[in-house]
């Protein structure tokens, strides 16, 4: 029993290293997108057995001022997110929230449209609706250009409910 656990642990570590190095060498953008942790894709069975928590590859995507349509770079990021969402535990979902800066008009509608476009795209790619939740959009005051750019986004939060 103990030997099989050691072998499984070694095999898992080996797979993690392969995934990490293949992701970082195949896609040079991966390193910049993985701001929270490195993306580790494991099977659902392993996650359930080990009671591990999978983190998302990034926590937000950004939009241009006044835009709610998904750009080419947004689509690339969302595809990476989809690859991760397939493996989240059964008791988890992703909370999606649109943000906008306070410059201009109809900012709350713009933030809602951004989040809705992301939500609709993820569903169109096969992510079940029960794995996604839209959170009320918010408008934030920003004093610098960097803050305004940060607030023109949609954020993602992985939420795990008790079993």
N, C-alpha and C. Protein backbone atom coordinates (compact mmCIF):
# COMPACT_ATOMS: atom_id res chain seq x y z
N UNK A 1 0.83 -1.19 0.00
CA UNK A 1 0.00 0.00 0.00
C UNK A 1 0.87 1.25 0.00
N UNK A 2 1.87 1.31 0.87
CA UNK A 2 2.73 2.47 0.97
C UNK A 2 3.60 2.62 -0.28
N UNK A 3 4.05 1.51 -0.84
CA UNK A 3 4.85 1.53 -2.05
C UNK A 3 4.03 2.08 -3.22
N UNK A 4 2.77 1.66 -3.32
CA UNK A 4 1.93 2.16 -4.41
C UNK A 4 1.68 3.66 -4.26
N UNK A 5 1.54 4.15 -3.05
CA UNK A 5 1.35 5.58 -2.82
C UNK A 5 2.59 6.34 -3.26
N UNK A 6 3.77 5.82 -2.95
CA UNK A 6 5.02 6.46 -3.35
C UNK A 6 5.15 6.49 -4.87
N UNK A 7 4.81 5.37 -5.51
CA UNK A 7 4.89 5.31 -6.96
C UNK A 7 3.91 6.29 -7.62
N UNK A 8 2.70 6.36 -7.08
CA UNK A 8 1.71 7.30 -7.61
C UNK A 8 2.19 8.73 -7.42
N UNK A 9 2.76 9.02 -6.26
CA UNK A 9 3.27 10.37 -6.00
C UNK A 9 4.40 10.73 -6.95
N UNK A 10 5.32 9.80 -7.19
CA UNK A 10 6.41 10.05 -8.12
C UNK A 10 5.89 10.25 -9.54
N UNK A 11 4.94 9.42 -9.94
CA UNK A 11 4.35 9.54 -11.27
C UNK A 11 3.66 10.90 -11.43
N UNK A 12 2.91 11.31 -10.41
CA UNK A 12 2.22 12.60 -10.43
C UNK A 12 3.22 13.74 -10.55
N UNK A 13 4.29 13.69 -9.77
CA UNK A 13 5.32 14.73 -9.84
C UNK A 13 5.94 14.78 -11.24
N UNK A 14 6.18 13.62 -11.82
CA UNK A 14 6.73 13.54 -13.17
C UNK A 14 5.78 14.19 -14.18
N UNK A 15 4.49 13.90 -14.09
CA UNK A 15 3.50 14.48 -15.00
C UNK A 15 3.44 16.00 -14.82
N UNK A 16 3.48 16.46 -13.58
CA UNK A 16 3.46 17.90 -13.32
C UNK A 16 4.64 18.58 -13.98
N UNK A 17 5.82 18.00 -13.86
CA UNK A 17 7.01 18.58 -14.49
C UNK A 17 6.87 18.60 -16.01
N UNK A 18 6.36 17.54 -16.57
CA UNK A 18 6.18 17.49 -18.02
C UNK A 18 5.21 18.57 -18.47
N UNK A 19 4.07 18.69 -17.77
CA UNK A 19 3.07 19.69 -18.13
C UNK A 19 3.66 21.09 -18.00
N UNK A 20 4.36 21.34 -16.91
CA UNK A 20 4.94 22.66 -16.67
C UNK A 20 5.94 23.03 -17.76
N UNK A 21 6.87 22.13 -18.05
CA UNK A 21 7.90 22.46 -19.04
C UNK A 21 7.35 22.47 -20.46
N UNK A 22 6.39 21.65 -20.77
CA UNK A 22 5.82 21.68 -22.12
C UNK A 22 5.00 22.95 -22.32
N UNK A 23 4.28 23.40 -21.30
CA UNK A 23 3.51 24.63 -21.40
C UNK A 23 4.43 25.83 -21.56
N UNK A 24 5.48 25.92 -20.74
CA UNK A 24 6.33 27.10 -20.77
C UNK A 24 7.19 27.15 -22.02
N UNK A 25 7.57 26.00 -22.58
CA UNK A 25 8.39 26.04 -23.79
C UNK A 25 7.53 26.17 -25.04
N UNK A 26 6.32 25.63 -25.03
CA UNK A 26 5.46 25.68 -26.21
C UNK A 26 4.84 27.05 -26.40
N UNK A 27 4.56 27.74 -25.32
CA UNK A 27 3.88 29.02 -25.41
C UNK A 27 4.62 30.04 -24.54
N UNK A 28 5.40 30.93 -25.14
CA UNK A 28 6.17 31.88 -24.32
C UNK A 28 5.29 32.82 -23.51
N UNK A 29 4.01 33.00 -23.88
CA UNK A 29 3.11 33.87 -23.13
C UNK A 29 2.63 33.23 -21.84
N UNK A 30 2.75 31.92 -21.73
CA UNK A 30 2.21 31.21 -20.57
C UNK A 30 2.78 31.76 -19.28
N UNK A 31 4.07 32.02 -19.24
CA UNK A 31 4.69 32.49 -18.02
C UNK A 31 4.08 33.80 -17.55
N UNK A 32 3.80 34.72 -18.49
CA UNK A 32 3.22 36.00 -18.08
C UNK A 32 1.76 35.86 -17.68
N UNK A 33 1.05 34.87 -18.23
CA UNK A 33 -0.36 34.70 -17.88
C UNK A 33 -0.54 34.04 -16.53
N UNK A 34 0.42 33.22 -16.12
CA UNK A 34 0.30 32.48 -14.88
C UNK A 34 0.78 33.32 -13.70
N UNK A 35 0.04 34.37 -13.40
CA UNK A 35 0.46 35.29 -12.36
C UNK A 35 0.26 34.72 -10.96
N UNK A 36 -0.76 33.89 -10.76
CA UNK A 36 -1.01 33.35 -9.42
C UNK A 36 -0.18 32.10 -9.18
N UNK A 37 -0.34 31.12 -10.01
CA UNK A 37 0.45 29.89 -9.90
C UNK A 37 0.60 29.29 -11.27
N UNK A 38 1.47 28.33 -11.39
CA UNK A 38 1.60 27.63 -12.66
C UNK A 38 0.41 26.71 -12.84
N UNK A 39 -0.06 26.64 -14.06
CA UNK A 39 -1.23 25.81 -14.37
C UNK A 39 -0.82 24.35 -14.37
N UNK A 40 -1.50 23.57 -13.56
CA UNK A 40 -1.26 22.14 -13.49
C UNK A 40 -2.56 21.45 -13.87
N UNK A 41 -2.52 20.69 -14.94
CA UNK A 41 -3.72 20.00 -15.39
C UNK A 41 -3.62 18.54 -14.96
N UNK A 42 -4.53 18.15 -14.10
CA UNK A 42 -4.57 16.78 -13.60
C UNK A 42 -5.98 16.23 -13.80
N UNK A 43 -6.12 14.94 -13.70
CA UNK A 43 -7.44 14.35 -13.88
C UNK A 43 -8.32 14.64 -12.67
N UNK A 44 -9.65 14.62 -12.90
CA UNK A 44 -10.59 14.83 -11.80
C UNK A 44 -10.41 13.79 -10.71
N UNK A 45 -10.15 12.55 -11.11
CA UNK A 45 -9.99 11.49 -10.12
C UNK A 45 -8.82 11.80 -9.18
N UNK A 46 -7.72 12.28 -9.75
CA UNK A 46 -6.57 12.61 -8.91
C UNK A 46 -6.91 13.76 -7.97
N UNK A 47 -7.62 14.77 -8.48
CA UNK A 47 -8.00 15.90 -7.62
C UNK A 47 -8.87 15.43 -6.46
N UNK A 48 -9.81 14.52 -6.76
CA UNK A 48 -10.69 14.03 -5.70
C UNK A 48 -9.91 13.20 -4.69
N UNK A 49 -9.02 12.33 -5.19
CA UNK A 49 -8.24 11.47 -4.28
C UNK A 49 -7.33 12.29 -3.38
N UNK A 50 -6.65 13.26 -3.97
CA UNK A 50 -5.67 14.04 -3.22
C UNK A 50 -6.26 15.25 -2.52
N UNK A 51 -7.56 15.54 -2.81
CA UNK A 51 -8.24 16.70 -2.24
C UNK A 51 -7.44 17.98 -2.48
N UNK A 52 -6.91 18.10 -3.69
CA UNK A 52 -6.12 19.27 -4.06
C UNK A 52 -7.02 20.33 -4.67
N UNK A 53 -6.54 21.54 -4.69
CA UNK A 53 -7.30 22.65 -5.23
C UNK A 53 -6.58 23.16 -6.48
N UNK A 54 -7.28 23.18 -7.58
CA UNK A 54 -6.73 23.65 -8.83
C UNK A 54 -6.95 25.15 -8.94
N UNK A 55 -5.92 25.89 -9.32
CA UNK A 55 -6.06 27.33 -9.48
C UNK A 55 -6.18 27.69 -10.95
N UNK A 56 -6.79 28.82 -11.22
CA UNK A 56 -6.95 29.28 -12.58
C UNK A 56 -5.62 29.83 -13.10
N UNK A 57 -5.40 29.78 -14.42
CA UNK A 57 -4.12 30.24 -14.97
C UNK A 57 -3.92 31.75 -14.88
N UNK A 58 -5.00 32.51 -14.72
CA UNK A 58 -4.92 33.97 -14.56
C UNK A 58 -6.22 34.43 -13.92
N UNK A 59 -6.23 35.64 -13.41
CA UNK A 59 -7.42 36.10 -12.68
C UNK A 59 -8.25 37.13 -13.43
N UNK A 60 -7.77 37.63 -14.57
CA UNK A 60 -8.57 38.60 -15.31
C UNK A 60 -8.10 38.70 -16.76
N UNK A 61 -9.00 39.20 -17.61
CA UNK A 61 -8.62 39.58 -18.97
C UNK A 61 -9.00 41.04 -19.14
N UNK A 62 -8.23 41.76 -19.94
CA UNK A 62 -8.43 43.20 -20.10
C UNK A 62 -9.07 43.53 -21.45
N UNK A 63 -9.73 44.69 -21.48
CA UNK A 63 -10.39 45.18 -22.68
C UNK A 63 -9.90 46.59 -22.96
N UNK A 64 -10.06 47.02 -24.22
CA UNK A 64 -9.76 48.41 -24.57
C UNK A 64 -10.88 49.30 -24.04
N UNK A 65 -10.58 50.58 -23.92
CA UNK A 65 -11.57 51.55 -23.41
C UNK A 65 -12.81 51.53 -24.29
N UNK A 66 -13.97 51.46 -23.66
CA UNK A 66 -15.24 51.50 -24.36
C UNK A 66 -15.60 50.24 -25.13
N UNK A 67 -14.80 49.19 -25.01
CA UNK A 67 -15.02 47.95 -25.77
C UNK A 67 -15.53 46.83 -24.86
N UNK A 68 -16.44 46.02 -25.42
CA UNK A 68 -16.89 44.83 -24.70
C UNK A 68 -16.70 43.57 -25.54
N UNK A 69 -16.34 43.75 -26.82
CA UNK A 69 -16.12 42.59 -27.69
C UNK A 69 -14.80 41.91 -27.34
N UNK A 70 -14.78 40.59 -27.50
CA UNK A 70 -13.58 39.82 -27.19
C UNK A 70 -12.56 40.01 -28.30
N UNK A 71 -11.35 40.36 -27.92
CA UNK A 71 -10.26 40.53 -28.88
C UNK A 71 -9.59 39.19 -29.14
N UNK A 72 -8.69 39.18 -30.09
CA UNK A 72 -7.94 37.96 -30.41
C UNK A 72 -7.15 37.48 -29.19
N UNK A 73 -6.52 38.41 -28.47
CA UNK A 73 -5.75 38.01 -27.28
C UNK A 73 -6.69 37.50 -26.18
N UNK A 74 -7.90 38.08 -26.07
CA UNK A 74 -8.88 37.57 -25.11
C UNK A 74 -9.25 36.13 -25.43
N UNK A 75 -9.46 35.84 -26.71
CA UNK A 75 -9.84 34.49 -27.13
C UNK A 75 -8.74 33.48 -26.82
N UNK A 76 -7.49 33.88 -27.00
CA UNK A 76 -6.36 32.99 -26.68
C UNK A 76 -6.35 32.71 -25.18
N UNK A 77 -6.51 33.75 -24.36
CA UNK A 77 -6.54 33.56 -22.92
C UNK A 77 -7.72 32.70 -22.49
N UNK A 78 -8.88 32.94 -23.07
CA UNK A 78 -10.07 32.18 -22.69
C UNK A 78 -9.93 30.71 -23.09
N UNK A 79 -9.27 30.43 -24.19
CA UNK A 79 -9.04 29.04 -24.57
C UNK A 79 -8.18 28.34 -23.52
N UNK A 80 -7.20 29.04 -23.00
CA UNK A 80 -6.37 28.50 -21.93
C UNK A 80 -7.19 28.26 -20.66
N UNK A 81 -8.11 29.18 -20.39
CA UNK A 81 -9.00 29.03 -19.25
C UNK A 81 -9.92 27.81 -19.42
N UNK A 82 -10.43 27.62 -20.62
CA UNK A 82 -11.31 26.48 -20.91
C UNK A 82 -10.59 25.17 -20.63
N UNK A 83 -9.34 25.07 -21.05
CA UNK A 83 -8.56 23.86 -20.80
C UNK A 83 -8.45 23.56 -19.32
N UNK A 84 -8.42 24.60 -18.51
CA UNK A 84 -8.36 24.43 -17.06
C UNK A 84 -9.72 24.09 -16.47
N UNK A 85 -10.78 24.75 -16.96
CA UNK A 85 -12.11 24.57 -16.39
C UNK A 85 -12.65 23.15 -16.55
N UNK A 86 -12.18 22.46 -17.55
CA UNK A 86 -12.61 21.08 -17.77
C UNK A 86 -12.27 20.21 -16.56
N UNK A 87 -11.23 20.57 -15.84
CA UNK A 87 -10.72 19.74 -14.75
C UNK A 87 -11.03 20.25 -13.35
N UNK A 88 -11.84 21.29 -13.20
CA UNK A 88 -12.12 21.77 -11.85
C UNK A 88 -13.00 20.75 -11.12
N UNK A 89 -12.85 20.65 -9.81
CA UNK A 89 -13.63 19.68 -9.03
C UNK A 89 -15.13 19.91 -9.17
N UNK A 90 -15.91 18.87 -8.94
CA UNK A 90 -17.37 18.92 -9.10
C UNK A 90 -18.03 19.97 -8.22
N UNK A 91 -17.45 20.25 -7.07
CA UNK A 91 -18.07 21.19 -6.13
C UNK A 91 -17.59 22.63 -6.34
N UNK A 92 -17.02 22.92 -7.52
CA UNK A 92 -16.46 24.24 -7.78
C UNK A 92 -17.12 24.91 -8.98
N UNK A 93 -17.03 26.22 -8.99
CA UNK A 93 -17.50 27.00 -10.13
C UNK A 93 -16.63 28.25 -10.25
N UNK A 94 -16.76 28.94 -11.37
CA UNK A 94 -16.00 30.17 -11.60
C UNK A 94 -16.95 31.35 -11.53
N UNK A 95 -16.59 32.30 -10.70
CA UNK A 95 -17.35 33.54 -10.56
C UNK A 95 -16.74 34.55 -11.56
N UNK A 96 -17.60 35.09 -12.42
CA UNK A 96 -17.17 36.03 -13.47
C UNK A 96 -17.75 37.39 -13.15
N UNK A 97 -16.90 38.43 -13.16
CA UNK A 97 -17.38 39.77 -12.84
C UNK A 97 -16.78 40.78 -13.82
N UNK A 98 -17.64 41.60 -14.40
CA UNK A 98 -17.19 42.66 -15.29
C UNK A 98 -16.85 43.91 -14.50
N UNK A 99 -15.77 44.56 -14.91
CA UNK A 99 -15.34 45.81 -14.29
C UNK A 99 -15.25 46.89 -15.36
N UNK A 100 -15.40 48.13 -14.94
CA UNK A 100 -15.19 49.28 -15.83
C UNK A 100 -14.63 50.42 -15.00
N UNK A 101 -13.89 51.29 -15.67
CA UNK A 101 -13.43 52.48 -14.96
C UNK A 101 -14.54 53.53 -15.02
N UNK A 102 -14.39 54.58 -14.26
CA UNK A 102 -15.48 55.56 -14.12
C UNK A 102 -15.48 56.63 -15.20
N UNK A 103 -14.56 56.57 -16.15
CA UNK A 103 -14.56 57.57 -17.22
C UNK A 103 -15.58 57.20 -18.28
N UNK A 104 -16.22 58.19 -18.85
CA UNK A 104 -17.22 57.93 -19.88
C UNK A 104 -18.59 57.71 -19.27
N UNK A 105 -19.52 57.20 -20.11
CA UNK A 105 -20.88 56.97 -19.65
C UNK A 105 -21.26 55.51 -19.85
N UNK A 106 -22.32 55.11 -19.22
CA UNK A 106 -22.84 53.73 -19.32
C UNK A 106 -21.79 52.68 -18.96
N UNK A 107 -21.03 52.97 -17.92
CA UNK A 107 -19.94 52.07 -17.52
C UNK A 107 -20.44 50.75 -16.94
N UNK A 108 -21.52 50.80 -16.17
CA UNK A 108 -22.05 49.57 -15.58
C UNK A 108 -22.53 48.63 -16.69
N UNK A 109 -23.19 49.20 -17.71
CA UNK A 109 -23.64 48.39 -18.85
C UNK A 109 -22.46 47.79 -19.60
N UNK A 110 -21.40 48.58 -19.73
CA UNK A 110 -20.20 48.11 -20.41
C UNK A 110 -19.56 46.95 -19.63
N UNK A 111 -19.47 47.09 -18.32
CA UNK A 111 -18.91 46.03 -17.48
C UNK A 111 -19.76 44.76 -17.58
N UNK A 112 -21.07 44.93 -17.57
CA UNK A 112 -21.98 43.78 -17.69
C UNK A 112 -21.83 43.11 -19.06
N UNK A 113 -21.72 43.91 -20.12
CA UNK A 113 -21.56 43.35 -21.47
C UNK A 113 -20.26 42.56 -21.59
N UNK A 114 -19.18 43.06 -20.97
CA UNK A 114 -17.90 42.33 -21.01
C UNK A 114 -18.05 40.97 -20.35
N UNK A 115 -18.62 40.95 -19.16
CA UNK A 115 -18.79 39.68 -18.44
C UNK A 115 -19.72 38.74 -19.19
N UNK A 116 -20.80 39.28 -19.74
CA UNK A 116 -21.76 38.45 -20.48
C UNK A 116 -21.11 37.85 -21.73
N UNK A 117 -20.28 38.62 -22.42
CA UNK A 117 -19.59 38.10 -23.61
C UNK A 117 -18.64 36.96 -23.24
N UNK A 118 -17.95 37.09 -22.12
CA UNK A 118 -17.06 36.02 -21.66
C UNK A 118 -17.89 34.79 -21.29
N UNK A 119 -18.94 34.99 -20.52
CA UNK A 119 -19.82 33.90 -20.09
C UNK A 119 -20.39 33.14 -21.29
N UNK A 120 -20.92 33.90 -22.26
CA UNK A 120 -21.50 33.29 -23.46
C UNK A 120 -20.46 32.52 -24.25
N UNK A 121 -19.26 33.08 -24.37
CA UNK A 121 -18.19 32.40 -25.10
C UNK A 121 -17.83 31.07 -24.42
N UNK A 122 -17.68 31.09 -23.10
CA UNK A 122 -17.31 29.87 -22.37
C UNK A 122 -18.39 28.79 -22.53
N UNK A 123 -19.64 29.18 -22.48
CA UNK A 123 -20.74 28.22 -22.66
C UNK A 123 -20.73 27.68 -24.09
N UNK A 124 -20.47 28.54 -25.07
CA UNK A 124 -20.44 28.10 -26.47
C UNK A 124 -19.33 27.10 -26.72
N UNK A 125 -18.31 27.10 -25.87
CA UNK A 125 -17.20 26.17 -26.02
C UNK A 125 -17.36 24.91 -25.15
N UNK A 126 -18.55 24.75 -24.56
CA UNK A 126 -18.85 23.50 -23.86
C UNK A 126 -18.72 23.52 -22.35
N UNK A 127 -18.44 24.66 -21.75
CA UNK A 127 -18.38 24.73 -20.29
C UNK A 127 -19.84 24.78 -19.78
N UNK A 128 -20.23 23.85 -18.89
CA UNK A 128 -21.61 23.83 -18.40
C UNK A 128 -21.98 25.11 -17.63
N UNK A 129 -23.22 25.55 -17.79
CA UNK A 129 -23.69 26.77 -17.13
C UNK A 129 -23.56 26.70 -15.62
N UNK A 130 -23.74 25.50 -15.05
CA UNK A 130 -23.66 25.39 -13.58
C UNK A 130 -22.23 25.55 -13.06
N UNK A 131 -21.25 25.63 -13.95
CA UNK A 131 -19.85 25.84 -13.54
C UNK A 131 -19.46 27.30 -13.59
N UNK A 132 -20.39 28.17 -14.02
CA UNK A 132 -20.12 29.59 -14.18
C UNK A 132 -21.19 30.40 -13.46
N UNK A 133 -20.79 31.49 -12.82
CA UNK A 133 -21.73 32.40 -12.16
C UNK A 133 -21.34 33.83 -12.51
N UNK A 134 -22.31 34.60 -12.96
CA UNK A 134 -22.07 36.02 -13.21
C UNK A 134 -22.31 36.80 -11.93
N UNK A 135 -21.36 37.62 -11.60
CA UNK A 135 -21.46 38.48 -10.42
C UNK A 135 -21.82 39.89 -10.88
N UNK A 136 -22.47 40.64 -10.04
CA UNK A 136 -22.90 42.01 -10.37
C UNK A 136 -21.68 42.83 -10.82
N UNK A 137 -21.80 43.54 -11.96
CA UNK A 137 -20.68 44.35 -12.45
C UNK A 137 -20.43 45.55 -11.54
N UNK A 138 -19.18 46.00 -11.55
CA UNK A 138 -18.86 47.18 -10.73
C UNK A 138 -18.06 48.19 -11.54
N UNK A 139 -18.21 49.44 -11.15
CA UNK A 139 -17.48 50.55 -11.76
C UNK A 139 -16.58 51.12 -10.67
N UNK A 140 -15.30 51.27 -11.00
CA UNK A 140 -14.32 51.72 -10.03
C UNK A 140 -13.70 53.05 -10.46
N UNK A 141 -13.46 53.92 -9.49
CA UNK A 141 -12.78 55.18 -9.77
C UNK A 141 -11.29 54.92 -9.88
N UNK A 142 -10.68 55.50 -10.88
CA UNK A 142 -9.25 55.35 -11.09
C UNK A 142 -8.62 56.72 -11.27
N UNK A 143 -7.43 56.88 -10.71
CA UNK A 143 -6.77 58.18 -10.81
C UNK A 143 -5.64 58.17 -11.84
N UNK A 144 -5.15 56.98 -12.21
CA UNK A 144 -4.06 56.91 -13.18
C UNK A 144 -4.47 56.06 -14.38
N UNK A 145 -3.74 56.22 -15.46
CA UNK A 145 -4.00 55.43 -16.66
C UNK A 145 -3.83 53.94 -16.41
N UNK A 146 -2.87 53.59 -15.57
CA UNK A 146 -2.63 52.18 -15.25
C UNK A 146 -3.82 51.59 -14.52
N UNK A 147 -4.37 52.34 -13.56
CA UNK A 147 -5.55 51.87 -12.83
C UNK A 147 -6.75 51.74 -13.77
N UNK A 148 -6.94 52.73 -14.64
CA UNK A 148 -8.07 52.66 -15.57
C UNK A 148 -7.97 51.42 -16.46
N UNK A 149 -6.78 51.14 -16.95
CA UNK A 149 -6.59 49.95 -17.80
C UNK A 149 -6.88 48.68 -17.01
N UNK A 150 -6.46 48.64 -15.77
CA UNK A 150 -6.71 47.46 -14.92
C UNK A 150 -8.21 47.26 -14.69
N UNK A 151 -8.95 48.33 -14.59
CA UNK A 151 -10.38 48.24 -14.30
C UNK A 151 -11.23 47.96 -15.54
N UNK A 152 -10.64 48.01 -16.71
CA UNK A 152 -11.36 47.65 -17.95
C UNK A 152 -11.17 46.16 -18.19
N UNK A 153 -11.85 45.35 -17.39
CA UNK A 153 -11.55 43.92 -17.41
C UNK A 153 -12.74 43.07 -16.97
N UNK A 154 -12.52 41.78 -17.07
CA UNK A 154 -13.41 40.77 -16.49
C UNK A 154 -12.53 39.93 -15.58
N UNK A 155 -12.99 39.73 -14.35
CA UNK A 155 -12.20 38.95 -13.40
C UNK A 155 -12.81 37.56 -13.23
N UNK A 156 -11.94 36.63 -12.82
CA UNK A 156 -12.34 35.24 -12.61
C UNK A 156 -11.90 34.82 -11.21
N UNK A 157 -12.80 34.13 -10.53
CA UNK A 157 -12.49 33.61 -9.20
C UNK A 157 -13.03 32.18 -9.11
N UNK A 158 -12.15 31.26 -8.78
CA UNK A 158 -12.56 29.87 -8.61
C UNK A 158 -13.09 29.70 -7.19
N UNK A 159 -14.34 29.26 -7.08
CA UNK A 159 -15.00 29.11 -5.78
C UNK A 159 -15.30 27.63 -5.56
N UNK A 160 -14.92 27.14 -4.41
CA UNK A 160 -15.17 25.73 -4.06
C UNK A 160 -16.14 25.68 -2.90
N UNK A 161 -17.25 24.99 -3.11
CA UNK A 161 -18.25 24.85 -2.06
C UNK A 161 -17.98 23.58 -1.25
N UNK A 162 -18.32 23.59 0.02
CA UNK A 162 -18.14 22.38 0.83
C UNK A 162 -18.95 21.22 0.27
N UNK A 163 -18.38 20.04 0.35
CA UNK A 163 -19.06 18.84 -0.18
C UNK A 163 -20.08 18.35 0.81
